[in-house]
Amino acid sequence: DDSSYTLKICSWNVAGLRAILRNQPKTLPNLVKDHNIDILCLQETKLQESHLNDPKLHIRSTLDEDGYDSYWSCSTTKKGYSGTAVFVKR
């Protein structure tokens, strides 16, 4: 019976997501593709709500074309502090 399925979850402390997206834009798409990741969890994104909505940065659409929905949490008490993102394969 080949009906079993392995759920792959990856967790990564990125210590600042904007730098990765700017300097190595293929890193996240390559990671989820190469390892067939179902759920990608990022910590320490260091993003503010304004970054998520900036049309120049395209952060909200990260991995959208790769078939993932994204969920974001930004620190509201200390700007650029902490923050998480979760990408779930559709």
C-alpha atoms as a PDB file:
ATOM      1  CA  ASP A   1       0.000   0.000   0.000  1.00  0.00           C
ATOM      2  CA  ASP A   2       1.529   3.300  -1.113  1.00  0.00           C
ATOM      3  CA  SER A   3      -1.097   5.544   0.494  1.00  0.00           C
ATOM      4  CA  SER A   4       1.150   6.881   3.275  1.00  0.00           C
ATOM      5  CA  TYR A   5       2.401  10.441   3.167  1.00  0.00           C
ATOM      6  CA  THR A   6       5.259  12.170   4.944  1.00  0.00           C
ATOM      7  CA  LEU A   7       4.603  15.751   5.961  1.00  0.00           C
ATOM      8  CA  LYS A   8       7.779  17.819   5.678  1.00  0.00           C
ATOM      9  CA  ILE A   9       8.121  20.815   7.981  1.00  0.00           C
ATOM     10  CA  CYS A  10      11.150  23.096   7.924  1.00  0.00           C
ATOM     11  CA  SER A  11      11.936  25.718  10.558  1.00  0.00           C
ATOM     12  CA  TRP A  12      14.579  28.405   9.979  1.00  0.00           C
ATOM     13  CA  ASN A  13      15.740  31.397  12.014  1.00  0.00           C
ATOM     14  CA  VAL A  14      16.463  33.806   9.159  1.00  0.00           C
ATOM     15  CA  ALA A  15      17.666  36.734  11.338  1.00  0.00           C
ATOM     16  CA  GLY A  16      16.141  39.216   8.874  1.00  0.00           C
ATOM     17  CA  LEU A  17      14.095  38.187   5.850  1.00  0.00           C
ATOM     18  CA  ARG A  18      14.472  41.341   3.738  1.00  0.00           C
ATOM     19  CA  ALA A  19      18.218  40.799   3.268  1.00  0.00           C
ATOM     20  CA  ILE A  20      17.660  37.235   2.072  1.00  0.00           C
ATOM     21  CA  LEU A  21      14.926  38.262  -0.366  1.00  0.00           C
ATOM     22  CA  ARG A  22      17.044  41.134  -1.680  1.00  0.00           C
ATOM     23  CA  ASN A  23      20.464  39.442  -1.882  1.00  0.00           C
ATOM     24  CA  GLN A  24      19.473  35.838  -2.604  1.00  0.00           C
ATOM     25  CA  PRO A  25      15.937  35.921  -4.033  1.00  0.00           C
ATOM     26  CA  LYS A  26      15.978  32.253  -5.140  1.00  0.00           C
ATOM     27  CA  THR A  27      16.869  30.900  -1.684  1.00  0.00           C
ATOM     28  CA  LEU A  28      13.322  30.247  -0.429  1.00  0.00           C
ATOM     29  CA  PRO A  29      11.911  28.936  -3.732  1.00  0.00           C
ATOM     30  CA  ASN A  30      14.912  26.621  -4.121  1.00  0.00           C
ATOM     31  CA  LEU A  31      14.629  25.432  -0.514  1.00  0.00           C
ATOM     32  CA  VAL A  32      10.969  24.404  -0.761  1.00  0.00           C
ATOM     33  CA  LYS A  33      11.463  22.869  -4.205  1.00  0.00           C
ATOM     34  CA  ASP A  34      14.679  20.950  -3.471  1.00  0.00           C
ATOM     35  CA  HIS A  35      13.340  19.487  -0.229  1.00  0.00           C
ATOM     36  CA  ASN A  36       9.644  19.203  -1.177  1.00  0.00           C
ATOM     37  CA  ILE A  37       8.644  21.149   1.945  1.00  0.00           C
ATOM     38  CA  ASP A  38       4.975  21.220   2.928  1.00  0.00           C
ATOM     39  CA  ILE A  39       5.248  23.816   5.703  1.00  0.00           C
ATOM     40  CA  LEU A  40       8.041  26.371   6.024  1.00  0.00           C
ATOM     41  CA  CYS A  41       8.287  28.287   9.310  1.00  0.00           C
ATOM     42  CA  LEU A  42      10.540  31.334   9.541  1.00  0.00           C
ATOM     43  CA  GLN A  43      11.518  33.066  12.775  1.00  0.00           C
ATOM     44  CA  GLU A  44      13.157  36.434  13.385  1.00  0.00           C
ATOM     45  CA  THR A  45      11.886  37.884  10.108  1.00  0.00           C
ATOM     46  CA  LYS A  46      12.361  41.378  11.611  1.00  0.00           C
ATOM     47  CA  LEU A  47       9.575  42.782   9.455  1.00  0.00           C
ATOM     48  CA  GLN A  48       7.079  45.527  10.146  1.00  0.00           C
ATOM     49  CA  GLU A  49       3.528  45.589   8.808  1.00  0.00           C
ATOM     50  CA  SER A  50       4.615  48.378   6.429  1.00  0.00           C
ATOM     51  CA  HIS A  51       7.175  46.033   4.839  1.00  0.00           C
ATOM     52  CA  LEU A  52       4.486  43.449   4.143  1.00  0.00           C
ATOM     53  CA  ASN A  53       2.331  45.999   2.332  1.00  0.00           C
ATOM     54  CA  ASP A  54       5.142  47.746   0.388  1.00  0.00           C
ATOM     55  CA  PRO A  55       4.503  47.038  -3.326  1.00  0.00           C
ATOM     56  CA  LYS A  56       8.215  47.456  -4.104  1.00  0.00           C
ATOM     57  CA  LEU A  57       9.254  44.647  -1.755  1.00  0.00           C
ATOM     58  CA  HIS A  58       6.635  42.032  -2.805  1.00  0.00           C
ATOM     59  CA  ILE A  59       7.042  40.297   0.550  1.00  0.00           C
ATOM     60  CA  ARG A  60       3.416  39.146   0.900  1.00  0.00           C
ATOM     61  CA  SER A  61       3.689  37.295  -2.410  1.00  0.00           C
ATOM     62  CA  THR A  62       6.807  35.362  -1.369  1.00  0.00           C
ATOM     63  CA  LEU A  63       6.393  31.745  -2.536  1.00  0.00           C
ATOM     64  CA  ASP A  64       2.894  32.467  -3.906  1.00  0.00           C
ATOM     65  CA  GLU A  65       3.938  31.410  -7.412  1.00  0.00           C
ATOM     66  CA  ASP A  66       5.470  28.272  -5.901  1.00  0.00           C
ATOM     67  CA  GLY A  67       2.059  27.205  -4.570  1.00  0.00           C
ATOM     68  CA  TYR A  68       2.180  28.387  -0.942  1.00  0.00           C
ATOM     69  CA  ASP A  69      -0.173  30.438   1.197  1.00  0.00           C
ATOM     70  CA  SER A  70       1.570  32.692   3.700  1.00  0.00           C
ATOM     71  CA  TYR A  71       0.774  33.814   7.228  1.00  0.00           C
ATOM     72  CA  TRP A  72       2.672  36.646   8.919  1.00  0.00           C
ATOM     73  CA  SER A  73       3.149  37.981  12.428  1.00  0.00           C
ATOM     74  CA  CYS A  74       5.049  41.214  13.088  1.00  0.00           C
ATOM     75  CA  SER A  75       6.019  42.778  16.383  1.00  0.00           C
ATOM     76  CA  THR A  76       3.868  45.816  17.091  1.00  0.00           C
ATOM     77  CA  THR A  77       5.604  46.833  20.330  1.00  0.00           C
ATOM     78  CA  LYS A  78       9.152  46.974  18.979  1.00  0.00           C
ATOM     79  CA  LYS A  79       9.590  47.742  15.269  1.00  0.00           C
ATOM     80  CA  GLY A  80      11.847  45.394  13.331  1.00  0.00           C
ATOM     81  CA  TYR A  81      11.990  42.963  16.226  1.00  0.00           C
ATOM     82  CA  SER A  82      11.205  39.293  16.114  1.00  0.00           C
ATOM     83  CA  GLY A  83       8.403  38.272  13.734  1.00  0.00           C
ATOM     84  CA  THR A  84       7.391  35.012  12.118  1.00  0.00           C
ATOM     85  CA  ALA A  85       6.148  33.733   8.788  1.00  0.00           C
ATOM     86  CA  VAL A  86       4.561  30.402   7.900  1.00  0.00           C
ATOM     87  CA  PHE A  87       4.198  29.111   4.346  1.00  0.00           C
ATOM     88  CA  VAL A  88       1.779  26.249   3.735  1.00  0.00           C
ATOM     89  CA  LYS A  89       1.707  24.322   0.460  1.00  0.00           C
ATOM     90  CA  ARG A  90      -1.682  24.489  -1.272  1.00  0.00           C
END
